[in-house]
Amino acid sequence: MPCKYIVRLFIFRRVIMRYENMISDIVLGVGGKDNIQDVFHCATRLRFVLKDEGLADEKAVKDIDGVLGVVNAAGQFQVIVGQRVGDVFDELVETYGLDGTDETVRSAAEMREEMKGKKVKNNILDVISGVFTPILSLLMASGVVKGILALLTTTGLLDAASGTYLVLSFAADGFFQFLPIFLGYTAMKKFGGTPFVGMAIAAAMVHPALSGIMAGEPLYTLFAGTPFAAPVYMDFLGIPVILLSYSSSVIPIIFTTYLASKVERFLAPRMSDLIKGFAVPALTILAGTILGFLIVGPVATFLSDLLGLAFVWLFSLNATLAGFFYGAFIQVLVMFGVHWGFVAISVNSIATLGYDPITIAGLASAFGQAGVALVIMQRTKSQRLKKICGPAIVSALFGITEPTIYGVTLQFRKPFILACIASGIGGAIIGFGGVKQYFYGTNGVFGWLQCINPATGFDSSTLASIIACIAAFVVAVILMLVFDKNDAEVARG
């Protein structure tokens, strides 16, 4: 082989194997390849489901160069590696053959059986994480595009009736319009079923013909005169079907795919191999669609409405105090990897109410963390810590706080607490200012776009969201200068 080709091959291997040492150390630290039951990733973490958590050496993994921290929660051994997690994950999967076909990677059904002994709350959080983690980047990306469109139309730079706006809005809204189909895939996969079957059921629930049927005159109304009054447009074998719009919905498809996965697992071992290939998917789709329309959809939607109203009522009691507590503790939830439950609440509120006044209270939390990290970067004598602080601050300002938390603030404890207090003050301003989130997007500076009211444009509540974030940043700096000025550990790094 010519020398130049050997050089090229060497260079190519070095490019695709950038994290070889770190990955091998991580695998060793979690108990070896044979101890890995499943692995996936979110925005900043490798999330391992281990066969025996006792074999994992948390301290050893924390000490690995490139690892920002470790969290063992919600039935997962989470290794924080920052925004390069996608590349690290791809190399990990390729190197160790963890592609879902290896015997060491078992099905979701087997995983659930082994996790039955864990606490119920951990299972719930694990499900929420597994359903939303794969689409989080799409949620944020689509939200940012929607926010930019809102900014352009509000400032008059783009006509909402123009073809340019329509094309861009199709790109931004398409994901949200058919969100149940994406959730049908991720939820069905999480529950141990066939993901494409979940997508087919979800597609039935957002079929374009439904809007035309619901635009006509109802046959009659069930529960007339109550908050649960429901027009009936058609029936199924004489059973009234309560049609609701499932576009952009969350809870109905998750419950529906859960039941469908049970049906699929019941049918699969009982079908002849001659017809299993088409009979199991066909019967599962039929069962899931019927259950979704007749039972799960209406019940789940009504419960979603009540949930959204309950949280709005809670904030209406004292939005300032509620905003403070949410803003102060949201990063603690992030720390334990259990913040995914609020994603469902946020998306559900926007789908049912048109806005979310609750989770937006956490918008300022990233700025509180960034403010504390800035003081640490200026104070510390450790060049290693300074190098971490710079990118971590930038990351936090754009909404990704894990590098700041695990790489900087949490290791010193008091700075982390001060950041949470500053974030709580920002959350209180958001609650007091009546800030609402009108679509799902990212945090940080782009998070302000979510607060632009589509009807009124840039108003006082949008200004309040900006003031809250700036206040959180400034208060964090002041708190560090007053209460943490003589921290020798920070100075040493």
Protein backbone atom coordinates (compact mmCIF):
# COMPACT_ATOMS: atom_id res chain seq x y z
CA MET A 1 0.00 0.00 0.00
CA PRO A 2 1.51 3.39 -0.96
CA CYS A 3 2.77 5.46 1.91
CA LYS A 4 0.27 8.29 1.29
CA TYR A 5 -2.66 5.89 1.68
CA ILE A 6 -1.26 4.60 4.97
CA VAL A 7 -1.00 8.19 6.20
CA ARG A 8 -4.57 8.90 5.10
CA LEU A 9 -5.83 5.76 6.80
CA PHE A 10 -4.01 6.74 10.01
CA ILE A 11 -5.44 10.26 9.91
CA PHE A 12 -8.94 8.93 9.25
CA ARG A 13 -8.71 6.54 12.19
CA ARG A 14 -7.51 9.36 14.46
CA VAL A 15 -10.51 11.47 13.39
CA ILE A 16 -13.14 8.84 14.03
CA MET A 17 -11.49 7.53 17.21
CA ARG A 18 -11.06 10.85 19.00
CA TYR A 19 -12.46 9.56 22.29
CA GLU A 20 -11.04 6.04 22.33
CA ASN A 21 -9.26 6.34 25.68
CA MET A 22 -12.11 8.13 27.42
CA ILE A 23 -14.67 5.63 26.16
CA SER A 24 -12.65 2.59 27.19
CA ASP A 25 -12.20 4.08 30.67
CA ILE A 26 -15.94 4.80 30.94
CA VAL A 27 -16.88 1.27 29.88
CA LEU A 28 -14.43 -0.12 32.41
CA GLY A 29 -15.81 2.22 35.07
CA VAL A 30 -19.41 1.13 34.56
CA GLY A 31 -18.45 -2.52 35.03
CA GLY A 32 -17.43 -3.51 31.51
CA LYS A 33 -19.34 -4.14 28.30
CA ASP A 34 -21.13 -7.15 29.75
CA ASN A 35 -22.66 -4.95 32.47
CA ILE A 36 -24.25 -2.55 29.95
CA GLN A 37 -27.91 -3.37 29.46
CA ASP A 38 -28.74 -0.30 27.38
CA VAL A 39 -27.20 3.05 26.55
CA PHE A 40 -28.55 6.21 24.94
CA HIS A 41 -27.83 9.91 25.24
CA CYS A 42 -29.46 13.32 25.66
CA ALA A 43 -28.01 16.79 25.07
CA THR A 44 -24.97 16.34 27.33
CA ARG A 45 -25.05 12.88 28.95
CA LEU A 46 -24.41 9.25 28.19
CA ARG A 47 -27.24 7.41 29.95
CA PHE A 48 -26.41 3.81 30.87
CA VAL A 49 -28.88 1.24 32.14
CA LEU A 50 -26.70 -1.29 33.95
CA LYS A 51 -27.39 -4.90 34.81
CA ASP A 52 -25.66 -4.53 38.17
CA GLU A 53 -25.23 -0.95 39.40
CA GLY A 54 -22.96 -2.22 42.17
CA LEU A 55 -20.23 -2.96 39.62
CA ALA A 56 -19.98 0.70 38.58
CA ASP A 57 -17.20 2.78 40.12
CA GLU A 58 -18.67 6.28 40.31
CA LYS A 59 -15.48 7.91 41.60
CA ALA A 60 -13.33 6.33 38.91
CA VAL A 61 -15.67 7.53 36.17
CA LYS A 62 -15.71 11.06 37.64
CA ASP A 63 -11.91 11.17 37.49
CA ILE A 64 -11.76 10.31 33.77
CA ASP A 65 -10.36 13.13 31.67
CA GLY A 66 -13.24 14.61 29.66
CA VAL A 67 -15.99 13.55 32.07
CA LEU A 68 -17.71 16.54 33.69
CA GLY A 69 -19.65 14.58 36.28
CA VAL A 70 -21.70 11.51 37.12
CA VAL A 71 -25.33 11.17 38.22
CA ASN A 72 -26.82 7.88 39.38
CA ALA A 73 -30.57 8.46 39.35
CA ALA A 74 -33.87 7.35 37.79
CA GLY A 75 -32.50 3.86 37.13
CA GLN A 76 -29.70 5.27 34.99
CA PHE A 77 -25.95 5.74 35.42
CA GLN A 78 -25.51 9.11 33.70
CA VAL A 79 -22.08 10.26 32.54
CA ILE A 80 -21.90 13.97 31.67
CA VAL A 81 -19.50 14.68 28.80
CA GLY A 82 -20.94 17.95 27.45
CA GLN A 83 -22.08 18.92 23.98
CA ARG A 84 -19.78 16.44 22.24
CA VAL A 85 -21.95 13.63 23.62
CA GLY A 86 -23.30 12.71 20.17
CA ASP A 87 -19.81 11.98 18.80
CA VAL A 88 -18.82 10.11 21.97
CA PHE A 89 -22.00 8.02 21.82
CA ASP A 90 -21.51 7.14 18.14
CA GLU A 91 -17.92 6.03 18.80
CA LEU A 92 -18.99 4.07 21.88
CA VAL A 93 -21.70 2.21 19.97
CA GLU A 94 -19.43 1.46 17.02
CA THR A 95 -16.47 0.37 19.14
CA TYR A 96 -18.39 -1.99 21.43
CA GLY A 97 -21.14 -3.11 19.07
CA LEU A 98 -23.90 -1.67 21.26
CA ASP A 99 -26.29 -1.30 18.36
CA GLY A 100 -29.30 -3.15 19.73
CA THR A 101 -28.37 -6.45 18.06
CA ASP A 102 -25.63 -7.49 20.46
CA GLU A 103 -26.63 -9.93 23.16
CA THR A 104 -25.44 -7.51 25.82
CA VAL A 105 -28.10 -4.99 24.77
CA ARG A 106 -31.46 -6.42 25.74
CA SER A 107 -34.91 -5.34 24.66
CA ALA A 108 -36.89 -2.64 26.44
CA ALA A 109 -39.29 -5.34 27.64
CA GLU A 110 -36.48 -7.26 29.35
CA MET A 111 -35.17 -4.03 30.82
CA ARG A 112 -38.54 -3.25 32.36
CA GLU A 113 -38.76 -6.73 33.89
CA GLU A 114 -35.42 -6.26 35.64
CA MET A 115 -36.42 -2.79 36.82
CA LYS A 116 -39.68 -3.85 38.45
CA GLY A 117 -38.02 -3.79 41.83
CA LYS A 118 -37.04 -0.14 41.46
CA LYS A 119 -39.15 2.67 42.82
CA VAL A 120 -42.20 3.59 40.79
CA LYS A 121 -41.14 7.22 40.49
CA ASN A 122 -37.84 6.15 38.91
CA ASN A 123 -39.70 4.09 36.32
CA ILE A 124 -41.95 7.03 35.47
CA LEU A 125 -39.00 9.39 35.11
CA ASP A 126 -37.18 6.79 33.03
CA VAL A 127 -40.16 6.55 30.67
CA ILE A 128 -40.45 10.33 30.32
CA SER A 129 -36.73 10.62 29.68
CA GLY A 130 -36.78 7.81 27.12
CA VAL A 131 -39.73 9.28 25.23
CA PHE A 132 -38.57 12.89 25.06
CA THR A 133 -34.79 12.63 24.97
CA PRO A 134 -34.53 11.48 21.31
CA ILE A 135 -36.62 14.44 20.06
CA LEU A 136 -35.35 17.16 22.39
CA SER A 137 -33.03 18.63 19.76
CA LEU A 138 -35.89 18.79 17.28
CA LEU A 139 -38.10 20.44 19.88
CA MET A 140 -35.49 23.11 20.51
CA ALA A 141 -34.60 23.58 16.84
CA SER A 142 -38.21 23.94 15.72
CA GLY A 143 -38.89 26.24 18.65
CA VAL A 144 -35.98 28.51 17.73
CA VAL A 145 -37.22 28.77 14.13
CA LYS A 146 -40.71 29.62 15.38
CA GLY A 147 -39.23 32.23 17.70
CA ILE A 148 -37.22 33.85 14.91
CA LEU A 149 -40.35 33.96 12.75
CA ALA A 150 -42.27 35.58 15.59
CA LEU A 151 -39.50 38.18 15.94
CA LEU A 152 -39.41 38.89 12.20
CA THR A 153 -43.15 39.31 11.89
CA THR A 154 -43.42 41.35 15.09
CA THR A 155 -40.79 43.80 13.89
CA GLY A 156 -42.39 44.01 10.43
CA LEU A 157 -39.36 42.54 8.68
CA LEU A 158 -41.45 39.70 7.28
CA ASP A 159 -45.06 39.70 6.12
CA ALA A 160 -47.05 36.87 7.70
CA ALA A 161 -49.06 36.55 4.48
CA SER A 162 -46.01 36.17 2.24
CA GLY A 163 -44.91 32.96 0.61
CA THR A 164 -41.54 33.24 2.31
CA TYR A 165 -43.18 33.25 5.72
CA LEU A 166 -45.42 30.33 4.82
CA VAL A 167 -42.53 28.15 3.68
CA LEU A 168 -40.54 28.95 6.81
CA SER A 169 -43.58 28.39 9.01
CA PHE A 170 -44.13 24.98 7.40
CA ALA A 171 -40.56 24.08 8.37
CA ALA A 172 -41.12 25.33 11.93
CA ASP A 173 -44.64 24.00 12.48
CA GLY A 174 -44.38 20.64 10.73
CA PHE A 175 -42.68 18.95 13.66
CA PHE A 176 -45.20 20.31 16.17
CA GLN A 177 -48.18 19.55 13.94
CA PHE A 178 -47.22 15.90 13.72
CA LEU A 179 -45.54 15.62 17.12
CA PRO A 180 -47.67 12.56 18.05
CA ILE A 181 -46.09 10.63 15.17
CA PHE A 182 -42.60 11.28 16.52
CA LEU A 183 -43.77 10.38 20.01
CA GLY A 184 -45.41 7.28 18.60
CA TYR A 185 -41.97 6.09 17.53
CA THR A 186 -40.06 6.98 20.71
CA ALA A 187 -42.80 5.86 23.11
CA MET A 188 -43.41 2.53 21.36
CA LYS A 189 -39.67 1.88 21.35
CA LYS A 190 -39.46 2.74 25.05
CA PHE A 191 -42.33 0.37 25.88
CA GLY A 192 -40.71 -2.50 24.01
CA GLY A 193 -42.96 -2.49 20.94
CA THR A 194 -42.27 -1.95 17.25
CA PRO A 195 -41.60 1.79 16.76
CA PHE A 196 -43.11 2.02 13.27
CA VAL A 197 -46.33 0.47 14.54
CA GLY A 198 -46.48 3.28 17.09
CA MET A 199 -46.00 5.79 14.30
CA ALA A 200 -48.83 4.23 12.30
CA ILE A 201 -51.22 4.48 15.27
CA ALA A 202 -50.21 8.09 15.87
CA ALA A 203 -50.69 8.91 12.18
CA ALA A 204 -54.25 7.57 12.42
CA MET A 205 -54.92 9.89 15.37
CA VAL A 206 -53.79 12.95 13.38
CA HIS A 207 -55.33 11.91 10.07
CA PRO A 208 -56.12 14.99 7.91
CA ALA A 209 -59.73 13.83 7.39
CA LEU A 210 -60.49 14.33 11.09
CA SER A 211 -60.43 18.12 10.81
CA GLY A 212 -63.05 17.99 8.05
CA ILE A 213 -65.31 15.70 10.08
CA MET A 214 -65.04 17.95 13.13
CA ALA A 215 -65.89 21.00 11.02
CA GLY A 216 -69.37 19.61 10.37
CA GLU A 217 -72.44 19.48 12.58
CA PRO A 218 -72.25 17.01 15.50
CA LEU A 219 -74.79 14.22 15.79
CA TYR A 220 -75.36 15.10 19.44
CA THR A 221 -73.44 16.23 22.54
CA LEU A 222 -72.40 14.05 25.44
CA PHE A 223 -72.25 15.55 28.96
CA ALA A 224 -73.97 18.71 27.74
CA GLY A 225 -73.94 21.55 30.25
CA THR A 226 -70.79 20.36 32.05
CA PRO A 227 -67.10 21.27 31.67
CA PHE A 228 -66.72 17.93 29.88
CA ALA A 229 -69.34 18.56 27.18
CA ALA A 230 -68.24 16.67 24.07
CA PRO A 231 -69.80 16.77 20.61
CA VAL A 232 -70.17 13.40 18.89
CA TYR A 233 -69.53 13.45 15.14
CA MET A 234 -69.55 9.72 14.46
CA ASP A 235 -69.76 6.32 16.08
CA PHE A 236 -67.89 3.03 15.90
CA LEU A 237 -70.12 -0.04 15.90
CA GLY A 238 -72.74 2.07 17.67
CA ILE A 239 -70.27 3.39 20.27
CA PRO A 240 -69.98 7.21 20.30
CA VAL A 241 -66.55 8.51 19.29
CA ILE A 242 -65.44 11.74 20.94
CA LEU A 243 -63.20 13.37 18.37
CA LEU A 244 -60.56 15.76 19.60
CA SER A 245 -57.60 17.37 17.89
CA TYR A 246 -54.52 15.32 18.70
CA SER A 247 -52.10 17.47 16.69
CA SER A 248 -49.26 18.66 18.92
CA SER A 249 -50.65 16.54 21.78
CA VAL A 250 -48.46 14.47 24.09
CA ILE A 251 -50.28 12.39 26.67
CA PRO A 252 -52.85 10.57 24.46
CA ILE A 253 -50.30 8.93 22.18
CA ILE A 254 -48.03 7.91 25.07
CA PHE A 255 -50.87 6.09 26.81
CA THR A 256 -52.10 4.62 23.53
CA THR A 257 -48.71 3.22 22.54
CA TYR A 258 -48.28 1.78 26.02
CA LEU A 259 -51.47 -0.27 25.58
CA ALA A 260 -50.55 -1.11 21.99
CA SER A 261 -47.19 -2.47 23.11
CA LYS A 262 -49.02 -4.77 25.54
CA VAL A 263 -51.26 -5.99 22.71
CA GLU A 264 -48.28 -6.60 20.43
CA ARG A 265 -46.39 -8.61 23.04
CA PHE A 266 -49.52 -10.65 23.74
CA LEU A 267 -50.09 -11.48 20.07
CA ALA A 268 -46.50 -12.12 18.91
CA PRO A 269 -45.86 -15.48 20.64
CA ARG A 270 -49.35 -16.74 19.81
CA MET A 271 -49.24 -16.21 16.04
CA SER A 272 -48.03 -18.68 13.45
CA ASP A 273 -44.80 -17.70 11.74
CA LEU A 274 -46.68 -17.88 8.43
CA ILE A 275 -48.83 -14.85 9.23
CA LYS A 276 -46.98 -13.18 12.11
CA GLY A 277 -45.16 -10.74 9.83
CA PHE A 278 -48.33 -8.92 8.82
CA ALA A 279 -50.98 -10.13 11.27
CA VAL A 280 -49.32 -8.85 14.45
CA PRO A 281 -48.70 -5.31 13.11
CA ALA A 282 -52.19 -5.18 11.55
CA LEU A 283 -54.01 -6.28 14.70
CA THR A 284 -51.84 -4.06 16.90
CA ILE A 285 -52.54 -1.00 14.74
CA LEU A 286 -56.26 -1.76 14.76
CA ALA A 287 -56.35 -2.32 18.51
CA GLY A 288 -54.25 0.75 19.25
CA THR A 289 -56.28 3.00 16.97
CA ILE A 290 -59.61 1.82 18.38
CA LEU A 291 -58.42 2.15 21.98
CA GLY A 292 -56.96 5.55 21.19
CA PHE A 293 -60.14 6.98 19.71
CA LEU A 294 -62.70 5.35 21.99
CA ILE A 295 -61.01 5.40 25.39
CA VAL A 296 -57.46 6.65 25.80
CA GLY A 297 -57.69 9.78 23.69
CA PRO A 298 -60.77 11.33 25.30
CA VAL A 299 -59.82 10.34 28.86
CA ALA A 300 -56.20 11.44 28.51
CA THR A 301 -57.18 14.71 26.86
CA PHE A 302 -59.67 15.56 29.60
CA LEU A 303 -57.04 14.75 32.23
CA SER A 304 -54.54 16.89 30.34
CA ASP A 305 -56.98 19.79 30.37
CA LEU A 306 -57.44 19.43 34.13
CA LEU A 307 -53.68 19.17 34.66
CA GLY A 308 -53.02 22.32 32.69
CA LEU A 309 -55.79 24.21 34.48
CA ALA A 310 -54.55 22.97 37.87
CA PHE A 311 -51.06 24.32 37.29
CA VAL A 312 -52.38 27.60 35.96
CA TRP A 313 -54.56 27.88 39.08
CA LEU A 314 -51.55 27.14 41.28
CA PHE A 315 -49.59 29.94 39.69
CA SER A 316 -52.60 32.26 39.92
CA LEU A 317 -52.55 31.94 43.71
CA ASN A 318 -49.12 33.55 43.95
CA ALA A 319 -47.16 33.58 40.73
CA THR A 320 -44.22 35.42 42.25
CA LEU A 321 -43.61 32.88 45.01
CA ALA A 322 -44.30 29.96 42.69
CA GLY A 323 -41.88 31.42 40.15
CA PHE A 324 -39.17 31.76 42.79
CA PHE A 325 -39.38 28.13 43.88
CA TYR A 326 -39.53 26.82 40.34
CA GLY A 327 -36.61 28.99 39.25
CA ALA A 328 -34.54 28.06 42.31
CA PHE A 329 -35.04 24.30 42.13
CA ILE A 330 -35.16 23.58 38.41
CA GLN A 331 -31.38 23.14 38.24
CA VAL A 332 -31.53 20.75 41.19
CA LEU A 333 -33.93 18.67 39.13
CA VAL A 334 -31.52 18.90 36.21
CA MET A 335 -28.76 17.75 38.52
CA PHE A 336 -30.60 14.51 39.23
CA GLY A 337 -31.71 14.14 35.64
CA VAL A 338 -35.39 14.25 36.60
CA HIS A 339 -36.39 17.48 34.86
CA TRP A 340 -37.97 15.70 31.90
CA GLY A 341 -41.36 15.52 33.57
CA PHE A 342 -41.77 19.26 33.11
CA VAL A 343 -41.25 18.89 29.36
CA ALA A 344 -44.52 16.94 29.18
CA ILE A 345 -46.31 19.58 31.28
CA SER A 346 -44.98 22.40 29.12
CA VAL A 347 -45.84 20.82 25.77
CA ASN A 348 -49.22 19.72 27.13
CA SER A 349 -50.10 23.21 28.41
CA ILE A 350 -49.17 24.82 25.11
CA ALA A 351 -51.27 22.24 23.25
CA THR A 352 -54.34 22.66 25.49
CA LEU A 353 -54.14 26.31 26.58
CA GLY A 354 -52.03 27.94 23.90
CA TYR A 355 -49.34 28.94 26.39
CA ASP A 356 -47.41 27.72 29.41
CA PRO A 357 -46.95 30.05 32.43
CA ILE A 358 -45.08 27.51 34.54
CA THR A 359 -41.88 26.10 33.07
CA ILE A 360 -40.92 29.48 31.64
CA ALA A 361 -40.13 30.46 35.25
CA GLY A 362 -36.94 28.45 34.84
CA LEU A 363 -35.73 30.60 31.94
CA ALA A 364 -33.44 32.69 34.17
CA SER A 365 -31.74 29.67 35.76
CA ALA A 366 -29.15 29.38 32.99
CA PHE A 367 -28.14 33.01 33.56
CA GLY A 368 -27.74 32.43 37.29
CA GLN A 369 -25.34 29.57 36.61
CA ALA A 370 -23.46 31.65 34.02
CA GLY A 371 -23.02 34.56 36.45
CA VAL A 372 -21.52 32.33 39.12
CA ALA A 373 -19.23 30.63 36.59
CA LEU A 374 -17.99 34.04 35.41
CA VAL A 375 -16.84 34.98 38.93
CA ILE A 376 -15.19 31.58 39.37
CA MET A 377 -13.35 31.99 36.06
CA GLN A 378 -12.04 35.39 37.15
CA ARG A 379 -11.05 34.18 40.61
CA THR A 380 -9.56 30.74 40.11
CA LYS A 381 -5.85 30.21 39.53
CA SER A 382 -6.44 26.84 37.90
CA GLN A 383 -5.87 27.01 34.15
CA ARG A 384 -7.83 23.78 33.73
CA LEU A 385 -10.87 25.30 35.42
CA LYS A 386 -10.54 28.54 33.43
CA LYS A 387 -10.63 26.53 30.21
CA ILE A 388 -13.82 24.80 31.35
CA CYS A 389 -15.48 28.02 32.54
CA GLY A 390 -15.28 29.88 29.22
CA PRO A 391 -17.19 27.40 27.02
CA ALA A 392 -19.48 26.53 29.93
CA ILE A 393 -20.59 30.16 30.29
CA VAL A 394 -21.27 30.43 26.56
CA SER A 395 -23.15 27.14 26.67
CA ALA A 396 -25.27 28.32 29.61
CA LEU A 397 -26.14 31.59 27.89
CA PHE A 398 -27.54 29.51 25.05
CA GLY A 399 -29.53 27.27 27.38
CA ILE A 400 -27.33 24.21 28.00
CA THR A 401 -26.43 24.32 31.69
CA GLU A 402 -25.03 20.85 32.38
CA PRO A 403 -21.41 21.81 31.49
CA THR A 404 -21.68 24.78 33.87
CA ILE A 405 -23.23 22.76 36.68
CA TYR A 406 -21.07 19.65 36.49
CA GLY A 407 -17.92 21.25 35.20
CA VAL A 408 -17.89 24.36 37.41
CA THR A 409 -20.46 25.30 40.06
CA LEU A 410 -21.56 22.05 41.66
CA GLN A 411 -18.10 20.92 42.68
CA PHE A 412 -17.88 23.91 45.03
CA ARG A 413 -21.44 23.54 46.44
CA LYS A 414 -21.86 27.07 47.81
CA PRO A 415 -21.56 28.67 44.35
CA PHE A 416 -24.16 26.23 43.09
CA ILE A 417 -26.55 27.20 45.91
CA LEU A 418 -25.95 30.89 45.22
CA ALA A 419 -26.69 30.30 41.54
CA CYS A 420 -29.98 28.63 42.49
CA ILE A 421 -30.94 31.59 44.72
CA ALA A 422 -30.17 34.03 41.90
CA SER A 423 -32.20 31.88 39.51
CA GLY A 424 -35.08 31.89 41.98
CA ILE A 425 -35.07 35.70 41.99
CA GLY A 426 -35.22 35.64 38.22
CA GLY A 427 -38.10 33.16 38.38
CA ALA A 428 -39.95 35.41 40.82
CA ILE A 429 -39.65 38.34 38.38
CA ILE A 430 -40.97 36.11 35.60
CA GLY A 431 -43.92 35.05 37.73
CA PHE A 432 -44.63 38.63 38.85
CA GLY A 433 -44.39 39.89 35.27
CA GLY A 434 -46.92 37.35 34.00
CA VAL A 435 -44.50 35.92 31.47
CA LYS A 436 -45.85 33.07 29.33
CA GLN A 437 -44.23 30.61 26.97
CA TYR A 438 -46.11 30.38 23.66
CA PHE A 439 -44.13 27.59 22.03
CA TYR A 440 -41.48 25.10 23.04
CA GLY A 441 -37.92 26.16 22.45
CA THR A 442 -34.55 26.42 24.08
CA ASN A 443 -33.44 28.38 27.13
CA GLY A 444 -30.81 31.09 27.23
CA VAL A 445 -30.96 34.17 25.01
CA PHE A 446 -33.13 32.39 22.43
CA GLY A 447 -35.60 31.66 25.22
CA TRP A 448 -36.79 35.25 25.06
CA LEU A 449 -38.30 34.52 21.66
CA GLN A 450 -40.69 32.04 23.29
CA CYS A 451 -42.17 34.90 25.34
CA ILE A 452 -43.29 36.99 22.37
CA ASN A 453 -47.09 36.94 22.35
CA PRO A 454 -48.25 36.01 18.81
CA ALA A 455 -51.28 38.30 19.27
CA THR A 456 -49.72 41.39 20.89
CA GLY A 457 -46.06 41.07 19.93
CA PHE A 458 -43.23 42.39 22.11
CA ASP A 459 -45.03 43.50 25.26
CA SER A 460 -44.30 44.11 28.96
CA SER A 461 -44.19 40.39 29.77
CA THR A 462 -41.51 39.83 27.14
CA LEU A 463 -39.52 42.69 28.64
CA ALA A 464 -39.99 41.12 32.08
CA SER A 465 -38.41 37.88 30.84
CA ILE A 466 -35.33 39.77 29.64
CA ILE A 467 -35.09 41.76 32.89
CA ALA A 468 -35.42 38.52 34.90
CA CYS A 469 -32.54 36.86 33.10
CA ILE A 470 -30.27 39.91 33.41
CA ALA A 471 -31.24 40.20 37.10
CA ALA A 472 -30.39 36.52 37.71
CA PHE A 473 -26.97 37.01 36.13
CA VAL A 474 -26.21 40.21 38.06
CA VAL A 475 -27.52 38.85 41.37
CA ALA A 476 -25.42 35.72 40.93
CA VAL A 477 -22.29 37.83 40.49
CA ILE A 478 -23.16 39.97 43.55
CA LEU A 479 -23.91 36.94 45.73
CA MET A 480 -20.57 35.41 44.78
CA LEU A 481 -18.70 38.63 45.57
CA VAL A 482 -20.44 39.02 48.94
CA PHE A 483 -20.84 35.47 50.26
CA ASP A 484 -18.09 33.55 48.52
CA LYS A 485 -15.26 36.06 48.27
CA ASN A 486 -12.84 34.12 50.49
CA ASP A 487 -13.39 30.64 49.09
CA ALA A 488 -9.91 29.14 48.95
CA GLU A 489 -11.20 26.04 47.18
CA VAL A 490 -12.52 28.13 44.30
CA ALA A 491 -9.25 30.07 44.06
CA ARG A 492 -7.30 26.81 43.99
CA GLY A 493 -9.65 25.19 41.52
